[in-house]
Amino acid sequence: MEMDDESCGEALNFFDSLNMLFYFPDILPQLVFMEPQMLLDKVSELVEETYHMRQGRRASRAGGEAEIP
């Protein structure tokens, strides 16, 4: 079964609307995230790590030691 580009884009947008995959055609048109939860987990890890790094920097500027959870 063949699909033209327009039909393929419509299908990807449909599955994206159901949260079955992530598709960002305006930003990453050639990339489809098939496991949304894995992507969300990685973004959460990145945000958490950034938060802890910033907290550590604030503690070191204040003369204290940064806590490592």
N, C-alpha and C. Protein backbone atom coordinates (compact mmCIF):
# COMPACT_ATOMS: atom_id res chain seq x y z
N MET A 1 0.83 -1.17 0.00
CA MET A 1 0.00 0.00 0.00
C MET A 1 0.89 1.24 0.00
N GLU A 2 0.63 2.13 -0.89
CA GLU A 2 1.40 3.36 -0.98
C GLU A 2 0.57 4.55 -0.52
N MET A 3 1.26 5.52 0.06
CA MET A 3 0.61 6.75 0.49
C MET A 3 1.38 7.92 -0.09
N ASP A 4 0.65 8.93 -0.53
CA ASP A 4 1.35 10.12 -0.99
C ASP A 4 1.74 10.95 0.25
N ASP A 5 2.57 11.97 0.05
CA ASP A 5 3.07 12.77 1.16
C ASP A 5 1.95 13.43 1.95
N GLU A 6 0.94 13.91 1.26
CA GLU A 6 -0.17 14.58 1.95
C GLU A 6 -0.93 13.62 2.85
N SER A 7 -1.23 12.42 2.35
CA SER A 7 -1.94 11.42 3.15
C SER A 7 -1.10 10.96 4.33
N CYS A 8 0.18 10.83 4.10
CA CYS A 8 1.08 10.42 5.18
C CYS A 8 1.10 11.49 6.28
N GLY A 9 1.19 12.75 5.88
CA GLY A 9 1.17 13.84 6.85
C GLY A 9 -0.13 13.89 7.63
N GLU A 10 -1.25 13.66 6.95
CA GLU A 10 -2.55 13.64 7.63
C GLU A 10 -2.62 12.49 8.64
N ALA A 11 -2.11 11.34 8.26
CA ALA A 11 -2.10 10.19 9.16
C ALA A 11 -1.23 10.47 10.39
N LEU A 12 -0.05 11.05 10.16
CA LEU A 12 0.83 11.38 11.28
C LEU A 12 0.18 12.40 12.21
N ASN A 13 -0.46 13.41 11.65
CA ASN A 13 -1.15 14.40 12.48
C ASN A 13 -2.29 13.76 13.27
N PHE A 14 -3.00 12.83 12.65
CA PHE A 14 -4.09 12.13 13.33
C PHE A 14 -3.56 11.34 14.53
N PHE A 15 -2.52 10.53 14.31
CA PHE A 15 -1.96 9.74 15.40
C PHE A 15 -1.34 10.63 16.48
N ASP A 16 -0.78 11.76 16.06
CA ASP A 16 -0.26 12.73 17.02
C ASP A 16 -1.40 13.28 17.89
N SER A 17 -2.54 13.55 17.29
CA SER A 17 -3.69 14.08 18.05
C SER A 17 -4.21 13.06 19.05
N LEU A 18 -3.97 11.78 18.81
CA LEU A 18 -4.37 10.72 19.74
C LEU A 18 -3.28 10.42 20.77
N ASN A 19 -2.17 11.16 20.69
CA ASN A 19 -1.01 10.96 21.58
C ASN A 19 -0.40 9.57 21.43
N MET A 20 -0.53 8.99 20.26
CA MET A 20 0.08 7.69 20.00
C MET A 20 1.53 7.85 19.54
N LEU A 21 1.85 9.04 19.06
CA LEU A 21 3.20 9.37 18.66
C LEU A 21 3.33 10.89 18.72
N PHE A 22 4.55 11.37 18.64
CA PHE A 22 4.79 12.81 18.56
C PHE A 22 5.31 13.13 17.19
N TYR A 23 4.71 14.13 16.57
CA TYR A 23 5.10 14.56 15.23
C TYR A 23 5.06 16.08 15.21
N PHE A 24 6.19 16.70 14.89
CA PHE A 24 6.31 18.15 14.86
C PHE A 24 6.70 18.58 13.45
N PRO A 25 5.73 18.63 12.53
CA PRO A 25 6.06 18.89 11.13
C PRO A 25 6.68 20.26 10.87
N ASP A 26 6.38 21.25 11.70
CA ASP A 26 6.94 22.58 11.49
C ASP A 26 8.39 22.68 11.94
N ILE A 27 8.77 21.82 12.90
CA ILE A 27 10.13 21.89 13.46
C ILE A 27 11.01 20.75 12.96
N LEU A 28 10.48 19.53 13.02
CA LEU A 28 11.24 18.32 12.66
C LEU A 28 10.40 17.45 11.71
N PRO A 29 10.21 17.90 10.48
CA PRO A 29 9.29 17.18 9.59
C PRO A 29 9.73 15.76 9.21
N GLN A 30 11.01 15.45 9.35
CA GLN A 30 11.49 14.13 8.97
C GLN A 30 11.61 13.18 10.16
N LEU A 31 11.13 13.63 11.33
CA LEU A 31 11.31 12.84 12.55
C LEU A 31 9.96 12.58 13.21
N VAL A 32 9.74 11.32 13.57
CA VAL A 32 8.52 10.92 14.27
C VAL A 32 8.95 10.17 15.52
N PHE A 33 8.43 10.57 16.67
CA PHE A 33 8.72 9.89 17.92
C PHE A 33 7.63 8.85 18.16
N MET A 34 8.02 7.59 18.06
CA MET A 34 7.04 6.50 18.14
C MET A 34 6.70 6.12 19.58
N GLU A 35 7.55 6.47 20.54
CA GLU A 35 7.28 6.17 21.94
C GLU A 35 7.26 7.48 22.72
N PRO A 36 6.11 8.15 22.73
CA PRO A 36 6.03 9.46 23.39
C PRO A 36 6.47 9.44 24.85
N GLN A 37 6.15 8.39 25.58
CA GLN A 37 6.50 8.35 27.00
C GLN A 37 8.01 8.40 27.20
N MET A 38 8.76 7.73 26.33
CA MET A 38 10.21 7.75 26.44
C MET A 38 10.74 9.16 26.23
N LEU A 39 10.20 9.88 25.27
CA LEU A 39 10.61 11.25 25.02
C LEU A 39 10.26 12.13 26.22
N LEU A 40 9.07 11.97 26.76
CA LEU A 40 8.68 12.75 27.93
C LEU A 40 9.57 12.45 29.13
N ASP A 41 9.93 11.20 29.31
CA ASP A 41 10.83 10.82 30.41
C ASP A 41 12.18 11.51 30.26
N LYS A 42 12.72 11.54 29.06
CA LYS A 42 14.02 12.17 28.82
C LYS A 42 13.95 13.68 29.03
N VAL A 43 12.88 14.30 28.58
CA VAL A 43 12.73 15.75 28.79
C VAL A 43 12.60 16.03 30.28
N SER A 44 11.87 15.20 31.01
CA SER A 44 11.74 15.37 32.46
C SER A 44 13.10 15.24 33.15
N GLU A 45 13.89 14.27 32.73
CA GLU A 45 15.24 14.10 33.30
C GLU A 45 16.09 15.34 33.04
N LEU A 46 16.00 15.87 31.84
CA LEU A 46 16.77 17.06 31.48
C LEU A 46 16.36 18.26 32.34
N VAL A 47 15.06 18.45 32.51
CA VAL A 47 14.57 19.56 33.33
C VAL A 47 15.02 19.38 34.78
N GLU A 48 14.90 18.17 35.30
CA GLU A 48 15.30 17.91 36.68
C GLU A 48 16.80 18.15 36.87
N GLU A 49 17.60 17.67 35.95
CA GLU A 49 19.05 17.85 36.03
C GLU A 49 19.42 19.33 35.96
N THR A 50 18.77 20.07 35.08
CA THR A 50 19.02 21.50 34.97
C THR A 50 18.65 22.21 36.26
N TYR A 51 17.54 21.84 36.85
CA TYR A 51 17.11 22.42 38.12
C TYR A 51 18.16 22.18 39.20
N HIS A 52 18.63 20.94 39.32
CA HIS A 52 19.61 20.60 40.34
C HIS A 52 20.93 21.33 40.10
N MET A 53 21.32 21.47 38.85
CA MET A 53 22.56 22.20 38.55
C MET A 53 22.43 23.65 38.97
N ARG A 54 21.30 24.27 38.68
CA ARG A 54 21.09 25.67 39.06
C ARG A 54 21.03 25.83 40.56
N GLN A 55 20.41 24.89 41.26
CA GLN A 55 20.36 24.95 42.71
C GLN A 55 21.77 24.84 43.29
N GLY A 56 22.59 23.98 42.71
CA GLY A 56 23.97 23.82 43.15
C GLY A 56 24.78 25.09 42.95
N ARG A 57 24.56 25.75 41.82
CA ARG A 57 25.26 27.00 41.54
C ARG A 57 24.87 28.07 42.54
N ARG A 58 23.58 28.14 42.87
CA ARG A 58 23.12 29.14 43.84
C ARG A 58 23.73 28.89 45.22
N ALA A 59 23.79 27.63 45.61
CA ALA A 59 24.36 27.29 46.91
C ALA A 59 25.84 27.63 46.96
N SER A 60 26.56 27.37 45.86
CA SER A 60 27.99 27.65 45.86
C SER A 60 28.25 29.16 45.85
N ARG A 61 27.39 29.94 45.22
CA ARG A 61 27.54 31.40 45.25
C ARG A 61 27.28 31.94 46.65
N ALA A 62 26.38 31.28 47.37
CA ALA A 62 26.04 31.73 48.72
C ALA A 62 27.05 31.23 49.74
N GLY A 63 28.02 30.44 49.30
CA GLY A 63 29.04 29.94 50.21
C GLY A 63 28.72 28.60 50.83
N GLY A 64 27.59 28.05 50.50
CA GLY A 64 27.20 26.76 51.05
C GLY A 64 27.56 25.64 50.09
N GLU A 65 27.32 24.44 50.53
CA GLU A 65 27.57 23.29 49.68
C GLU A 65 26.27 22.85 49.05
N ALA A 66 26.35 22.43 47.83
CA ALA A 66 25.17 21.94 47.14
C ALA A 66 24.85 20.54 47.63
N GLU A 67 23.59 20.32 47.88
CA GLU A 67 23.15 18.98 48.26
C GLU A 67 22.94 18.15 47.02
N ILE A 68 23.34 16.92 47.10
CA ILE A 68 23.09 15.98 46.01
C ILE A 68 22.08 14.98 46.52
N PRO A 69 20.90 15.00 45.93
CA PRO A 69 19.84 14.09 46.42
C PRO A 69 20.18 12.64 46.17
